[in-house]
C-alpha atoms as a PDB file:
ATOM      1  CA  MET A   1      22.441  -0.821  -2.360  1.00  0.00           C
ATOM      2  CA  ASN A   2      25.599   1.465  -2.181  1.00  0.00           C
ATOM      3  CA  ALA A   3      26.042   5.248  -1.283  1.00  0.00           C
ATOM      4  CA  ALA A   4      25.814   6.006  -5.444  1.00  0.00           C
ATOM      5  CA  THR A   5      22.504   4.479  -5.539  1.00  0.00           C
ATOM      6  CA  PRO A   6      19.851   6.832  -4.555  1.00  0.00           C
ATOM      7  CA  THR A   7      17.299   5.521  -1.815  1.00  0.00           C
ATOM      8  CA  PRO A   8      14.218   4.711  -3.629  1.00  0.00           C
ATOM      9  CA  VAL A   9      11.014   6.837  -2.386  1.00  0.00           C
ATOM     10  CA  VAL A  10       7.659   5.568  -1.761  1.00  0.00           C
ATOM     11  CA  LEU A  11       4.674   7.935  -1.011  1.00  0.00           C
ATOM     12  CA  LEU A  12       2.067   6.171   1.306  1.00  0.00           C
ATOM     13  CA  VAL A  13      -1.370   8.363   1.056  1.00  0.00           C
ATOM     14  CA  ASP A  14      -3.710   7.139   3.529  1.00  0.00           C
ATOM     15  CA  ASP A  15      -5.300   8.448   6.676  1.00  0.00           C
ATOM     16  CA  ASP A  16      -5.002   5.212   8.752  1.00  0.00           C
ATOM     17  CA  ARG A  17      -1.793   6.520  10.985  1.00  0.00           C
ATOM     18  CA  ALA A  18      -1.157   2.939  12.521  1.00  0.00           C
ATOM     19  CA  LEU A  19      -1.257   1.544   8.992  1.00  0.00           C
ATOM     20  CA  CYS A  20       1.252   4.286   8.176  1.00  0.00           C
ATOM     21  CA  THR A  21       3.305   3.379  11.193  1.00  0.00           C
ATOM     22  CA  LEU A  22       3.254  -0.314  10.204  1.00  0.00           C
ATOM     23  CA  ALA A  23       4.310   0.762   6.660  1.00  0.00           C
ATOM     24  CA  ARG A  24       6.997   2.748   7.988  1.00  0.00           C
ATOM     25  CA  ARG A  25       8.687   0.122  10.226  1.00  0.00           C
ATOM     26  CA  LYS A  26       8.403  -2.460   6.816  1.00  0.00           C
ATOM     27  CA  LEU A  27       9.660  -0.179   4.122  1.00  0.00           C
ATOM     28  CA  GLU A  28      12.631   1.571   5.818  1.00  0.00           C
ATOM     29  CA  ARG A  29      13.730  -2.029   6.818  1.00  0.00           C
ATOM     30  CA  GLU A  30      13.998  -2.705   3.237  1.00  0.00           C
ATOM     31  CA  ASN A  31      15.940   0.570   2.718  1.00  0.00           C
ATOM     32  CA  LEU A  32      13.312   2.830   0.954  1.00  0.00           C
ATOM     33  CA  THR A  33      12.516   6.172   2.148  1.00  0.00           C
ATOM     34  CA  LEU A  34       8.839   6.463   2.979  1.00  0.00           C
ATOM     35  CA  VAL A  35       6.902   9.820   3.125  1.00  0.00           C
ATOM     36  CA  THR A  36       3.394   9.716   4.396  1.00  0.00           C
ATOM     37  CA  LEU A  37       0.705  12.064   4.027  1.00  0.00           C
ATOM     38  CA  HIS A  38      -3.170  11.780   5.296  1.00  0.00           C
ATOM     39  CA  THR A  39      -4.981  13.757   2.358  1.00  0.00           C
ATOM     40  CA  GLY A  40      -5.136  14.218  -1.447  1.00  0.00           C
ATOM     41  CA  ARG A  41      -4.366  17.714  -1.388  1.00  0.00           C
ATOM     42  CA  ASP A  42      -1.446  17.475   0.679  1.00  0.00           C
ATOM     43  CA  ALA A  43      -0.098  14.696  -1.589  1.00  0.00           C
ATOM     44  CA  ILE A  44      -0.963  17.015  -4.745  1.00  0.00           C
ATOM     45  CA  ALA A  45       1.180  19.675  -3.295  1.00  0.00           C
ATOM     46  CA  TRP A  46       4.117  17.205  -2.244  1.00  0.00           C
ATOM     47  CA  LEU A  47       4.225  15.827  -5.537  1.00  0.00           C
ATOM     48  CA  ASP A  48       4.022  19.130  -7.235  1.00  0.00           C
ATOM     49  CA  ALA A  49       7.727  19.731  -5.648  1.00  0.00           C
ATOM     50  CA  ASN A  50       9.028  16.372  -5.176  1.00  0.00           C
ATOM     51  CA  GLU A  51       9.466  13.027  -6.808  1.00  0.00           C
ATOM     52  CA  ALA A  52       8.511   9.876  -5.834  1.00  0.00           C
ATOM     53  CA  ASP A  53       9.312   6.259  -7.285  1.00  0.00           C
ATOM     54  CA  LEU A  54       6.100   4.970  -6.210  1.00  0.00           C
ATOM     55  CA  VAL A  55       2.741   5.920  -4.710  1.00  0.00           C
ATOM     56  CA  LEU A  56       0.726   3.577  -1.943  1.00  0.00           C
ATOM     57  CA  LEU A  57      -2.790   5.343  -2.443  1.00  0.00           C
ATOM     58  CA  ASP A  58      -5.727   4.681  -0.276  1.00  0.00           C
ATOM     59  CA  LEU A  59      -9.009   4.390  -2.381  1.00  0.00           C
ATOM     60  CA  PHE A  60     -10.993   6.702  -0.075  1.00  0.00           C
ATOM     61  CA  LEU A  61      -9.382   9.609   1.432  1.00  0.00           C
ATOM     62  CA  PRO A  62     -10.840  12.319   3.962  1.00  0.00           C
ATOM     63  CA  ASP A  63     -10.947  15.139   0.944  1.00  0.00           C
ATOM     64  CA  MET A  64     -11.434  13.173  -1.865  1.00  0.00           C
ATOM     65  CA  LYS A  65     -11.152   9.853  -3.842  1.00  0.00           C
ATOM     66  CA  GLY A  66      -8.280   8.030  -4.802  1.00  0.00           C
ATOM     67  CA  GLN A  67      -9.153   8.509  -8.465  1.00  0.00           C
ATOM     68  CA  ASP A  68      -9.483  12.113  -8.165  1.00  0.00           C
ATOM     69  CA  LEU A  69      -5.847  12.587  -6.985  1.00  0.00           C
ATOM     70  CA  LEU A  70      -4.674  10.263 -10.044  1.00  0.00           C
ATOM     71  CA  ASP A  71      -7.201  12.150 -12.315  1.00  0.00           C
ATOM     72  CA  ALA A  72      -5.023  15.463 -10.688  1.00  0.00           C
ATOM     73  CA  LEU A  73      -1.896  14.340 -11.577  1.00  0.00           C
ATOM     74  CA  ALA A  74      -2.720  13.564 -15.032  1.00  0.00           C
ATOM     75  CA  ALA A  75      -3.928  16.873 -15.592  1.00  0.00           C
ATOM     76  CA  ARG A  76      -0.458  17.801 -14.317  1.00  0.00           C
ATOM     77  CA  LYS A  77       1.153  15.625 -16.799  1.00  0.00           C
ATOM     78  CA  ARG A  78       2.712  13.509 -13.501  1.00  0.00           C
ATOM     79  CA  ASP A  79       3.662  10.019 -14.557  1.00  0.00           C
ATOM     80  CA  VAL A  80       3.945   8.118 -11.063  1.00  0.00           C
ATOM     81  CA  PRO A  81       3.742   4.585 -10.725  1.00  0.00           C
ATOM     82  CA  PHE A  82       0.609   3.677  -8.020  1.00  0.00           C
ATOM     83  CA  VAL A  83      -0.916   0.963  -6.045  1.00  0.00           C
ATOM     84  CA  VAL A  84      -4.405   1.648  -4.775  1.00  0.00           C
ATOM     85  CA  MET A  85      -5.227   0.127  -1.560  1.00  0.00           C
ATOM     86  CA  THR A  86      -8.561   0.008   0.372  1.00  0.00           C
ATOM     87  CA  GLY A  87      -9.419  -1.459   3.463  1.00  0.00           C
ATOM     88  CA  TYR A  88     -13.087  -1.520   2.008  1.00  0.00           C
ATOM     89  CA  GLY A  89     -14.373  -4.786   0.267  1.00  0.00           C
END
């Protein structure tokens, strides 16, 4: 990646802080900018004011389900690529 190419921004929304730390280490080694948030409300507010190239989203957040966050983004006409993750079977 050269100086003229912006660094891709990945938003990780997960309440597991250890997972967020591991993800940060890996993704920053790949020259990605990682923003970590731990609640759906914080993620919606952040996405209202910022752009992400990808959202990594926990299925179950402390304040809402991942689907609720996606529904809120769709209602705002925000089209952001996402991957839903879960530690549950």
